Amino acid sequence: MLLSEGQMSDYHGAALMLDDFPPASELLADKGYDADWFREALEQRGIKPCIPPKANRKIQIPYDKAVYKCRHKIENMFGKLKDWRRIHTRYDRCAHTFFSAIAIAATVIFWL
């Protein structure tokens, strides 16, 4: 997990985590991660990207729409995290304390 600043674009945050990605066959991401260099880096690691292309891309890249529909599970997890008022309203101003609250909430959600 990576906690980035609010103004940082998605694929810049992914670039910071790229070396730490676990072995996987596919990566499921939204349009914010659509960048040629990111797709190439994933393919070099043997990971097939399932990322829909941005609307302004000149050549639209195909993606597996059936696999992409599973992305709602990720969105549901973020929705459950936001049920925790401390996380939703960001009570903690220090990044390490906020990240710890997210980790605790994720652990409790996993065990429930």
N, C-alpha and C. Protein backbone atom coordinates (compact mmCIF):
# COMPACT_ATOMS: atom_id res chain seq x y z
N MET A 1 0.84 -1.18 0.00
CA MET A 1 0.00 0.00 0.00
C MET A 1 0.89 1.23 0.00
N LEU A 2 0.40 2.24 -0.66
CA LEU A 2 1.14 3.50 -0.75
C LEU A 2 0.17 4.64 -0.47
N LEU A 3 0.57 5.52 0.40
CA LEU A 3 -0.21 6.72 0.68
C LEU A 3 0.49 7.87 -0.01
N SER A 4 -0.17 8.46 -1.01
CA SER A 4 0.44 9.56 -1.76
C SER A 4 -0.33 10.85 -1.49
N GLU A 5 0.24 11.94 -1.91
CA GLU A 5 -0.44 13.22 -1.74
C GLU A 5 -1.66 13.28 -2.63
N GLY A 6 -2.64 14.08 -2.27
CA GLY A 6 -3.91 14.13 -2.98
C GLY A 6 -3.81 14.63 -4.40
N GLN A 7 -2.81 15.45 -4.72
CA GLN A 7 -2.69 16.02 -6.05
C GLN A 7 -1.89 15.12 -7.00
N MET A 8 -1.28 14.06 -6.50
CA MET A 8 -0.45 13.19 -7.34
C MET A 8 -1.34 12.33 -8.25
N SER A 9 -0.99 12.25 -9.52
CA SER A 9 -1.78 11.43 -10.43
C SER A 9 -1.56 9.95 -10.12
N ASP A 10 -2.50 9.14 -10.54
CA ASP A 10 -2.48 7.72 -10.21
C ASP A 10 -1.24 7.01 -10.72
N TYR A 11 -0.89 7.25 -11.97
CA TYR A 11 0.22 6.48 -12.52
C TYR A 11 1.58 6.91 -11.97
N HIS A 12 1.69 8.12 -11.44
CA HIS A 12 2.94 8.50 -10.77
C HIS A 12 3.10 7.73 -9.46
N GLY A 13 2.00 7.52 -8.76
CA GLY A 13 2.03 6.69 -7.56
C GLY A 13 2.34 5.25 -7.88
N ALA A 14 1.83 4.77 -9.00
CA ALA A 14 2.10 3.39 -9.42
C ALA A 14 3.57 3.22 -9.78
N ALA A 15 4.19 4.26 -10.33
CA ALA A 15 5.61 4.19 -10.67
C ALA A 15 6.46 3.99 -9.42
N LEU A 16 6.02 4.57 -8.30
CA LEU A 16 6.76 4.40 -7.05
C LEU A 16 6.65 2.97 -6.51
N MET A 17 5.55 2.29 -6.84
CA MET A 17 5.32 0.95 -6.33
C MET A 17 5.70 -0.16 -7.30
N LEU A 18 6.06 0.20 -8.51
CA LEU A 18 6.26 -0.78 -9.59
C LEU A 18 7.24 -1.89 -9.21
N ASP A 19 8.32 -1.56 -8.56
CA ASP A 19 9.32 -2.57 -8.19
C ASP A 19 8.82 -3.50 -7.09
N ASP A 20 7.81 -3.08 -6.34
CA ASP A 20 7.31 -3.87 -5.23
C ASP A 20 6.04 -4.66 -5.56
N PHE A 21 5.60 -4.63 -6.81
CA PHE A 21 4.40 -5.38 -7.19
C PHE A 21 4.64 -6.87 -6.95
N PRO A 22 3.67 -7.56 -6.36
CA PRO A 22 3.81 -9.01 -6.19
C PRO A 22 3.63 -9.71 -7.53
N PRO A 23 4.08 -10.96 -7.64
CA PRO A 23 3.87 -11.69 -8.89
C PRO A 23 2.37 -11.84 -9.18
N ALA A 24 1.98 -11.50 -10.37
CA ALA A 24 0.57 -11.58 -10.76
C ALA A 24 0.48 -11.80 -12.26
N SER A 25 -0.65 -12.32 -12.70
CA SER A 25 -0.84 -12.53 -14.14
C SER A 25 -1.50 -11.31 -14.78
N GLU A 26 -2.34 -10.57 -14.01
CA GLU A 26 -3.02 -9.40 -14.54
C GLU A 26 -3.04 -8.28 -13.51
N LEU A 27 -3.12 -7.04 -14.01
CA LEU A 27 -3.30 -5.89 -13.15
C LEU A 27 -4.58 -5.19 -13.59
N LEU A 28 -5.48 -5.03 -12.67
CA LEU A 28 -6.76 -4.40 -12.93
C LEU A 28 -6.71 -2.96 -12.41
N ALA A 29 -6.88 -1.98 -13.30
CA ALA A 29 -6.78 -0.57 -12.91
C ALA A 29 -7.74 0.26 -13.75
N ASP A 30 -8.00 1.49 -13.28
CA ASP A 30 -8.91 2.36 -14.02
C ASP A 30 -8.14 3.23 -15.01
N LYS A 31 -8.85 4.14 -15.67
CA LYS A 31 -8.26 4.95 -16.74
C LYS A 31 -7.13 5.85 -16.27
N GLY A 32 -7.07 6.13 -14.98
CA GLY A 32 -6.01 6.98 -14.45
C GLY A 32 -4.63 6.37 -14.61
N TYR A 33 -4.56 5.07 -14.82
CA TYR A 33 -3.29 4.37 -14.97
C TYR A 33 -2.92 4.11 -16.43
N ASP A 34 -3.68 4.68 -17.35
CA ASP A 34 -3.43 4.47 -18.78
C ASP A 34 -2.26 5.33 -19.26
N ALA A 35 -1.09 4.68 -19.35
CA ALA A 35 0.11 5.33 -19.88
C ALA A 35 0.93 4.25 -20.57
N ASP A 36 1.50 4.58 -21.71
CA ASP A 36 2.26 3.59 -22.47
C ASP A 36 3.43 3.03 -21.67
N TRP A 37 4.17 3.90 -20.96
CA TRP A 37 5.32 3.43 -20.21
C TRP A 37 4.91 2.48 -19.09
N PHE A 38 3.72 2.72 -18.50
CA PHE A 38 3.25 1.86 -17.42
C PHE A 38 2.83 0.50 -17.97
N ARG A 39 2.17 0.50 -19.11
CA ARG A 39 1.78 -0.77 -19.74
C ARG A 39 3.02 -1.59 -20.12
N GLU A 40 4.02 -0.92 -20.67
CA GLU A 40 5.25 -1.61 -21.06
C GLU A 40 5.98 -2.18 -19.84
N ALA A 41 6.02 -1.42 -18.76
CA ALA A 41 6.69 -1.89 -17.53
C ALA A 41 5.97 -3.11 -16.97
N LEU A 42 4.66 -3.12 -17.04
CA LEU A 42 3.90 -4.28 -16.56
C LEU A 42 4.19 -5.50 -17.44
N GLU A 43 4.18 -5.30 -18.74
CA GLU A 43 4.41 -6.42 -19.65
C GLU A 43 5.82 -6.97 -19.52
N GLN A 44 6.81 -6.13 -19.20
CA GLN A 44 8.17 -6.61 -18.96
C GLN A 44 8.23 -7.50 -17.73
N ARG A 45 7.33 -7.29 -16.79
CA ARG A 45 7.28 -8.12 -15.58
C ARG A 45 6.36 -9.33 -15.76
N GLY A 46 5.80 -9.49 -16.94
CA GLY A 46 4.91 -10.62 -17.22
C GLY A 46 3.50 -10.41 -16.70
N ILE A 47 3.12 -9.17 -16.50
CA ILE A 47 1.78 -8.84 -16.01
C ILE A 47 0.97 -8.25 -17.15
N LYS A 48 -0.19 -8.84 -17.40
CA LYS A 48 -1.07 -8.34 -18.46
C LYS A 48 -1.92 -7.20 -17.91
N PRO A 49 -1.82 -5.99 -18.48
CA PRO A 49 -2.63 -4.88 -17.97
C PRO A 49 -4.07 -4.96 -18.45
N CYS A 50 -5.00 -4.78 -17.53
CA CYS A 50 -6.42 -4.68 -17.86
C CYS A 50 -6.84 -3.26 -17.49
N ILE A 51 -6.47 -2.33 -18.37
CA ILE A 51 -6.69 -0.91 -18.14
C ILE A 51 -7.44 -0.34 -19.34
N PRO A 52 -8.63 0.23 -19.13
CA PRO A 52 -9.32 0.85 -20.27
C PRO A 52 -8.56 2.09 -20.73
N PRO A 53 -8.57 2.36 -22.03
CA PRO A 53 -7.86 3.54 -22.53
C PRO A 53 -8.60 4.83 -22.20
N LYS A 54 -7.85 5.91 -22.07
CA LYS A 54 -8.45 7.22 -21.87
C LYS A 54 -9.20 7.62 -23.13
N ALA A 55 -10.16 8.48 -23.00
CA ALA A 55 -10.98 8.91 -24.14
C ALA A 55 -10.17 9.70 -25.17
N ASN A 56 -9.10 10.38 -24.72
CA ASN A 56 -8.33 11.19 -25.66
C ASN A 56 -7.17 10.44 -26.31
N ARG A 57 -7.08 9.14 -26.10
CA ARG A 57 -6.02 8.34 -26.72
C ARG A 57 -6.32 8.20 -28.21
N LYS A 58 -5.31 8.45 -29.04
CA LYS A 58 -5.52 8.39 -30.50
C LYS A 58 -5.84 6.98 -30.95
N ILE A 59 -5.07 6.01 -30.49
CA ILE A 59 -5.33 4.60 -30.83
C ILE A 59 -5.85 3.92 -29.58
N GLN A 60 -7.12 3.54 -29.60
CA GLN A 60 -7.73 2.90 -28.44
C GLN A 60 -7.19 1.48 -28.28
N ILE A 61 -6.71 1.16 -27.10
CA ILE A 61 -6.13 -0.15 -26.81
C ILE A 61 -7.23 -1.05 -26.26
N PRO A 62 -7.38 -2.26 -26.80
CA PRO A 62 -8.43 -3.16 -26.29
C PRO A 62 -8.08 -3.68 -24.89
N TYR A 63 -9.09 -4.01 -24.12
CA TYR A 63 -8.93 -4.58 -22.79
C TYR A 63 -10.06 -5.57 -22.54
N ASP A 64 -9.88 -6.46 -21.59
CA ASP A 64 -10.86 -7.49 -21.29
C ASP A 64 -11.98 -6.89 -20.42
N LYS A 65 -13.13 -6.64 -21.03
CA LYS A 65 -14.22 -5.99 -20.32
C LYS A 65 -14.83 -6.89 -19.25
N ALA A 66 -14.79 -8.21 -19.45
CA ALA A 66 -15.32 -9.14 -18.46
C ALA A 66 -14.48 -9.10 -17.18
N VAL A 67 -13.17 -9.05 -17.33
CA VAL A 67 -12.28 -8.96 -16.16
C VAL A 67 -12.44 -7.59 -15.50
N TYR A 68 -12.57 -6.55 -16.29
CA TYR A 68 -12.67 -5.19 -15.75
C TYR A 68 -13.92 -5.01 -14.89
N LYS A 69 -14.97 -5.78 -15.17
CA LYS A 69 -16.19 -5.67 -14.37
C LYS A 69 -15.97 -6.10 -12.92
N CYS A 70 -14.91 -6.86 -12.65
CA CYS A 70 -14.60 -7.27 -11.28
C CYS A 70 -14.04 -6.12 -10.45
N ARG A 71 -13.77 -5.00 -11.07
CA ARG A 71 -13.21 -3.85 -10.37
C ARG A 71 -14.14 -3.31 -9.29
N HIS A 72 -15.41 -3.63 -9.39
CA HIS A 72 -16.36 -3.16 -8.37
C HIS A 72 -16.00 -3.70 -6.99
N LYS A 73 -15.33 -4.82 -6.92
CA LYS A 73 -14.92 -5.38 -5.62
C LYS A 73 -13.89 -4.47 -4.95
N ILE A 74 -13.03 -3.88 -5.74
CA ILE A 74 -12.05 -2.94 -5.20
C ILE A 74 -12.75 -1.68 -4.71
N GLU A 75 -13.68 -1.17 -5.50
CA GLU A 75 -14.44 0.02 -5.12
C GLU A 75 -15.26 -0.24 -3.85
N ASN A 76 -15.82 -1.44 -3.73
CA ASN A 76 -16.57 -1.79 -2.53
C ASN A 76 -15.68 -1.76 -1.29
N MET A 77 -14.43 -2.23 -1.43
CA MET A 77 -13.50 -2.22 -0.31
C MET A 77 -13.22 -0.79 0.14
N PHE A 78 -13.01 0.14 -0.80
CA PHE A 78 -12.79 1.54 -0.43
C PHE A 78 -14.04 2.13 0.21
N GLY A 79 -15.21 1.71 -0.24
CA GLY A 79 -16.44 2.15 0.37
C GLY A 79 -16.55 1.70 1.82
N LYS A 80 -16.13 0.46 2.10
CA LYS A 80 -16.15 -0.04 3.48
C LYS A 80 -15.15 0.72 4.34
N LEU A 81 -14.00 1.07 3.78
CA LEU A 81 -13.03 1.85 4.53
C LEU A 81 -13.59 3.22 4.90
N LYS A 82 -14.36 3.80 3.99
CA LYS A 82 -14.91 5.13 4.24
C LYS A 82 -16.08 5.10 5.23
N ASP A 83 -16.55 3.90 5.59
CA ASP A 83 -17.54 3.80 6.66
C ASP A 83 -16.92 4.15 8.00
N TRP A 84 -15.61 4.06 8.10
CA TRP A 84 -14.90 4.42 9.32
C TRP A 84 -14.75 5.94 9.32
N ARG A 85 -15.41 6.60 10.25
CA ARG A 85 -15.43 8.05 10.26
C ARG A 85 -14.04 8.67 10.35
N ARG A 86 -13.17 8.06 11.12
CA ARG A 86 -11.80 8.57 11.29
C ARG A 86 -11.08 8.64 9.95
N ILE A 87 -11.32 7.66 9.08
CA ILE A 87 -10.67 7.63 7.76
C ILE A 87 -11.39 8.55 6.79
N HIS A 88 -12.71 8.50 6.82
CA HIS A 88 -13.51 9.29 5.88
C HIS A 88 -13.24 10.79 6.02
N THR A 89 -13.13 11.26 7.26
CA THR A 89 -12.93 12.69 7.48
C THR A 89 -11.47 13.06 7.68
N ARG A 90 -10.60 12.07 7.65
CA ARG A 90 -9.15 12.26 7.82
C ARG A 90 -8.82 13.06 9.08
N TYR A 91 -9.21 12.49 10.22
CA TYR A 91 -8.91 13.12 11.51
C TYR A 91 -7.41 13.27 11.73
N ASP A 92 -6.67 12.25 11.34
CA ASP A 92 -5.23 12.23 11.58
C ASP A 92 -4.51 13.09 10.54
N ARG A 93 -3.73 14.03 11.01
CA ARG A 93 -3.00 14.91 10.10
C ARG A 93 -1.65 14.34 9.69
N CYS A 94 -1.05 13.51 10.52
CA CYS A 94 0.23 12.90 10.18
C CYS A 94 -0.02 11.70 9.25
N ALA A 95 0.76 11.59 8.21
CA ALA A 95 0.56 10.53 7.22
C ALA A 95 0.73 9.15 7.84
N HIS A 96 1.71 8.98 8.72
CA HIS A 96 1.94 7.65 9.30
C HIS A 96 0.79 7.24 10.23
N THR A 97 0.17 8.18 10.92
CA THR A 97 -0.97 7.86 11.77
C THR A 97 -2.20 7.54 10.93
N PHE A 98 -2.42 8.29 9.89
CA PHE A 98 -3.54 8.03 8.97
C PHE A 98 -3.38 6.67 8.30
N PHE A 99 -2.16 6.36 7.86
CA PHE A 99 -1.90 5.08 7.22
C PHE A 99 -2.12 3.93 8.21
N SER A 100 -1.75 4.13 9.46
CA SER A 100 -1.96 3.11 10.48
C SER A 100 -3.45 2.88 10.70
N ALA A 101 -4.24 3.93 10.71
CA ALA A 101 -5.70 3.80 10.86
C ALA A 101 -6.29 3.02 9.70
N ILE A 102 -5.79 3.25 8.49
CA ILE A 102 -6.26 2.50 7.32
C ILE A 102 -5.91 1.03 7.47
N ALA A 103 -4.70 0.74 7.92
CA ALA A 103 -4.28 -0.66 8.10
C ALA A 103 -5.13 -1.37 9.15
N ILE A 104 -5.42 -0.70 10.25
CA ILE A 104 -6.25 -1.30 11.30
C ILE A 104 -7.67 -1.55 10.77
N ALA A 105 -8.24 -0.55 10.09
CA ALA A 105 -9.59 -0.70 9.54
C ALA A 105 -9.64 -1.83 8.51
N ALA A 106 -8.64 -1.91 7.66
CA ALA A 106 -8.60 -2.97 6.64
C ALA A 106 -8.52 -4.35 7.29
N THR A 107 -7.74 -4.45 8.37
CA THR A 107 -7.63 -5.73 9.08
C THR A 107 -8.96 -6.13 9.70
N VAL A 108 -9.64 -5.19 10.34
CA VAL A 108 -10.94 -5.49 10.96
C VAL A 108 -11.96 -5.86 9.87
N ILE A 109 -11.98 -5.14 8.78
CA ILE A 109 -12.91 -5.45 7.69
C ILE A 109 -12.63 -6.85 7.13
N PHE A 110 -11.36 -7.21 7.02
CA PHE A 110 -11.00 -8.52 6.50
C PHE A 110 -11.52 -9.63 7.41
N TRP A 111 -11.41 -9.44 8.70
CA TRP A 111 -11.81 -10.48 9.65
C TRP A 111 -13.31 -10.53 9.88
N LEU A 112 -14.05 -9.49 9.52
CA LEU A 112 -15.51 -9.51 9.71
C LEU A 112 -16.15 -10.25 8.60
